[in-house]
């Protein structure tokens, strides 16, 4: 058993794999980021605006209060548009993308 654990640790180290972390923030899109969407589309709710902006070239993102991180999963965030969530995953600084493992509502 000890050998298996050591092998797993060595493999993760060699692959440069990061352990997933939890990020908390609001589901937004890469176009508007931290800006309120309702200022642009006064007749739509914030969630509707996020969904509309995330279509096309602007994908879903997580805004944590400081950073806007593009999400690798572009399907699951649709149901959480404009809501506070917890995203578990790994962040790639180069691509500014959060590789999503899971998304759930924040308490």
C-alpha atoms as a PDB file:
ATOM      1  CA  UNK A   1       0.000   0.000   0.000  1.00  0.00           C
ATOM      2  CA  UNK A   2       2.833   2.357   0.863  1.00  0.00           C
ATOM      3  CA  UNK A   3       4.406   1.702  -2.532  1.00  0.00           C
ATOM      4  CA  UNK A   4       1.127   2.531  -4.295  1.00  0.00           C
ATOM      5  CA  UNK A   5       0.869   5.857  -2.453  1.00  0.00           C
ATOM      6  CA  UNK A   6       4.463   6.746  -3.232  1.00  0.00           C
ATOM      7  CA  UNK A   7       3.918   5.847  -6.890  1.00  0.00           C
ATOM      8  CA  UNK A   8       0.797   8.039  -7.057  1.00  0.00           C
ATOM      9  CA  UNK A   9       2.600  11.001  -5.486  1.00  0.00           C
ATOM     10  CA  UNK A  10       5.568  10.569  -7.809  1.00  0.00           C
ATOM     11  CA  UNK A  11       3.300  10.344 -10.852  1.00  0.00           C
ATOM     12  CA  UNK A  12       1.406  13.517  -9.931  1.00  0.00           C
ATOM     13  CA  UNK A  13       4.665  15.331  -9.293  1.00  0.00           C
ATOM     14  CA  UNK A  14       6.108  14.270 -12.640  1.00  0.00           C
ATOM     15  CA  UNK A  15       2.954  15.235 -14.497  1.00  0.00           C
ATOM     16  CA  UNK A  16       2.849  18.585 -12.745  1.00  0.00           C
ATOM     17  CA  UNK A  17      -0.738  17.933 -11.771  1.00  0.00           C
ATOM     18  CA  UNK A  18      -2.211  20.290  -9.277  1.00  0.00           C
ATOM     19  CA  UNK A  19      -4.691  19.184  -6.687  1.00  0.00           C
ATOM     20  CA  UNK A  20      -8.134  20.691  -7.389  1.00  0.00           C
ATOM     21  CA  UNK A  21      -9.044  23.750  -5.311  1.00  0.00           C
ATOM     22  CA  UNK A  22     -12.362  25.410  -4.552  1.00  0.00           C
ATOM     23  CA  UNK A  23     -13.049  28.844  -6.021  1.00  0.00           C
ATOM     24  CA  UNK A  24     -16.080  30.896  -4.946  1.00  0.00           C
ATOM     25  CA  UNK A  25     -17.635  33.606  -7.054  1.00  0.00           C
ATOM     26  CA  UNK A  26     -20.407  34.570  -9.447  1.00  0.00           C
ATOM     27  CA  UNK A  27     -21.027  32.972 -12.843  1.00  0.00           C
ATOM     28  CA  UNK A  28     -20.570  35.668 -15.471  1.00  0.00           C
ATOM     29  CA  UNK A  29     -19.138  35.784 -18.984  1.00  0.00           C
ATOM     30  CA  UNK A  30     -15.776  36.785 -20.421  1.00  0.00           C
ATOM     31  CA  UNK A  31     -17.145  39.854 -22.208  1.00  0.00           C
ATOM     32  CA  UNK A  32     -18.684  41.699 -19.238  1.00  0.00           C
ATOM     33  CA  UNK A  33     -16.750  40.017 -16.438  1.00  0.00           C
ATOM     34  CA  UNK A  34     -17.285  42.082 -13.297  1.00  0.00           C
ATOM     35  CA  UNK A  35     -19.527  44.739 -14.915  1.00  0.00           C
ATOM     36  CA  UNK A  36     -23.269  44.546 -14.291  1.00  0.00           C
ATOM     37  CA  UNK A  37     -25.052  43.159 -17.336  1.00  0.00           C
ATOM     38  CA  UNK A  38     -28.296  44.945 -16.592  1.00  0.00           C
ATOM     39  CA  UNK A  39     -26.697  48.269 -17.560  1.00  0.00           C
ATOM     40  CA  UNK A  40     -26.420  47.030 -21.149  1.00  0.00           C
ATOM     41  CA  UNK A  41     -29.741  45.180 -21.399  1.00  0.00           C
ATOM     42  CA  UNK A  42     -32.219  46.989 -19.213  1.00  0.00           C
ATOM     43  CA  UNK A  43     -35.173  44.765 -20.181  1.00  0.00           C
ATOM     44  CA  UNK A  44     -33.426  41.490 -19.215  1.00  0.00           C
ATOM     45  CA  UNK A  45     -32.555  39.927 -15.867  1.00  0.00           C
ATOM     46  CA  UNK A  46     -28.905  39.575 -14.894  1.00  0.00           C
ATOM     47  CA  UNK A  47     -29.048  35.792 -15.529  1.00  0.00           C
ATOM     48  CA  UNK A  48     -30.584  36.288 -18.992  1.00  0.00           C
ATOM     49  CA  UNK A  49     -27.881  38.802 -19.866  1.00  0.00           C
ATOM     50  CA  UNK A  50     -25.105  36.418 -18.765  1.00  0.00           C
ATOM     51  CA  UNK A  51     -26.587  33.599 -20.870  1.00  0.00           C
ATOM     52  CA  UNK A  52     -26.887  35.851 -23.926  1.00  0.00           C
ATOM     53  CA  UNK A  53     -23.365  37.224 -23.555  1.00  0.00           C
ATOM     54  CA  UNK A  54     -21.906  33.732 -23.033  1.00  0.00           C
ATOM     55  CA  UNK A  55     -23.199  32.631 -26.430  1.00  0.00           C
ATOM     56  CA  UNK A  56     -20.920  33.210 -29.359  1.00  0.00           C
ATOM     57  CA  UNK A  57     -17.292  34.103 -28.776  1.00  0.00           C
ATOM     58  CA  UNK A  58     -17.755  35.071 -25.105  1.00  0.00           C
ATOM     59  CA  UNK A  59     -17.871  32.058 -22.808  1.00  0.00           C
ATOM     60  CA  UNK A  60     -18.906  31.525 -19.211  1.00  0.00           C
ATOM     61  CA  UNK A  61     -16.504  32.659 -16.516  1.00  0.00           C
ATOM     62  CA  UNK A  62     -16.227  32.868 -12.745  1.00  0.00           C
ATOM     63  CA  UNK A  63     -15.739  36.278 -11.133  1.00  0.00           C
ATOM     64  CA  UNK A  64     -14.270  35.859  -7.643  1.00  0.00           C
ATOM     65  CA  UNK A  65     -14.353  39.544  -6.717  1.00  0.00           C
ATOM     66  CA  UNK A  66     -10.925  40.191  -8.214  1.00  0.00           C
ATOM     67  CA  UNK A  67     -10.355  37.921 -11.222  1.00  0.00           C
ATOM     68  CA  UNK A  68     -12.442  36.779 -14.166  1.00  0.00           C
ATOM     69  CA  UNK A  69     -11.543  33.154 -14.927  1.00  0.00           C
ATOM     70  CA  UNK A  70     -12.842  31.485 -18.078  1.00  0.00           C
ATOM     71  CA  UNK A  71     -14.444  28.109 -17.324  1.00  0.00           C
ATOM     72  CA  UNK A  72     -13.499  24.964 -19.235  1.00  0.00           C
ATOM     73  CA  UNK A  73     -17.049  23.611 -18.835  1.00  0.00           C
ATOM     74  CA  UNK A  74     -19.388  25.770 -20.913  1.00  0.00           C
ATOM     75  CA  UNK A  75     -22.606  23.780 -20.339  1.00  0.00           C
ATOM     76  CA  UNK A  76     -23.049  23.460 -16.562  1.00  0.00           C
ATOM     77  CA  UNK A  77     -22.613  27.186 -15.771  1.00  0.00           C
ATOM     78  CA  UNK A  78     -25.741  28.077 -17.809  1.00  0.00           C
ATOM     79  CA  UNK A  79     -28.024  26.924 -15.006  1.00  0.00           C
ATOM     80  CA  UNK A  80     -26.073  29.023 -12.495  1.00  0.00           C
ATOM     81  CA  UNK A  81     -25.859  32.244 -14.557  1.00  0.00           C
ATOM     82  CA  UNK A  82     -25.454  35.314 -12.303  1.00  0.00           C
ATOM     83  CA  UNK A  83     -25.508  33.118  -9.173  1.00  0.00           C
ATOM     84  CA  UNK A  84     -22.868  32.686  -6.488  1.00  0.00           C
ATOM     85  CA  UNK A  85     -21.252  29.255  -6.810  1.00  0.00           C
ATOM     86  CA  UNK A  86     -18.361  27.089  -5.665  1.00  0.00           C
ATOM     87  CA  UNK A  87     -16.245  25.720  -8.499  1.00  0.00           C
ATOM     88  CA  UNK A  88     -13.825  22.894  -7.809  1.00  0.00           C
ATOM     89  CA  UNK A  89     -10.982  22.657 -10.294  1.00  0.00           C
ATOM     90  CA  UNK A  90      -7.486  23.712 -11.242  1.00  0.00           C
ATOM     91  CA  UNK A  91      -6.531  27.139 -12.552  1.00  0.00           C
ATOM     92  CA  UNK A  92      -4.179  27.473 -15.519  1.00  0.00           C
ATOM     93  CA  UNK A  93      -2.468  30.856 -15.195  1.00  0.00           C
ATOM     94  CA  UNK A  94      -1.224  30.797 -18.808  1.00  0.00           C
ATOM     95  CA  UNK A  95      -4.625  30.420 -20.421  1.00  0.00           C
ATOM     96  CA  UNK A  96      -6.521  32.133 -17.565  1.00  0.00           C
ATOM     97  CA  UNK A  97      -8.853  29.119 -17.590  1.00  0.00           C
ATOM     98  CA  UNK A  98     -10.340  27.258 -14.655  1.00  0.00           C
ATOM     99  CA  UNK A  99     -10.511  23.550 -15.515  1.00  0.00           C
ATOM    100  CA  UNK A 100     -13.814  22.576 -13.918  1.00  0.00           C
ATOM    101  CA  UNK A 101     -14.287  19.400 -11.903  1.00  0.00           C
ATOM    102  CA  UNK A 102     -17.625  20.452 -10.387  1.00  0.00           C
ATOM    103  CA  UNK A 103     -19.914  23.447  -9.879  1.00  0.00           C
ATOM    104  CA  UNK A 104     -22.423  23.796  -7.051  1.00  0.00           C
ATOM    105  CA  UNK A 105     -24.403  26.654  -5.479  1.00  0.00           C
ATOM    106  CA  UNK A 106     -22.584  28.536  -2.723  1.00  0.00           C
ATOM    107  CA  UNK A 107     -24.277  28.841   0.644  1.00  0.00           C
END
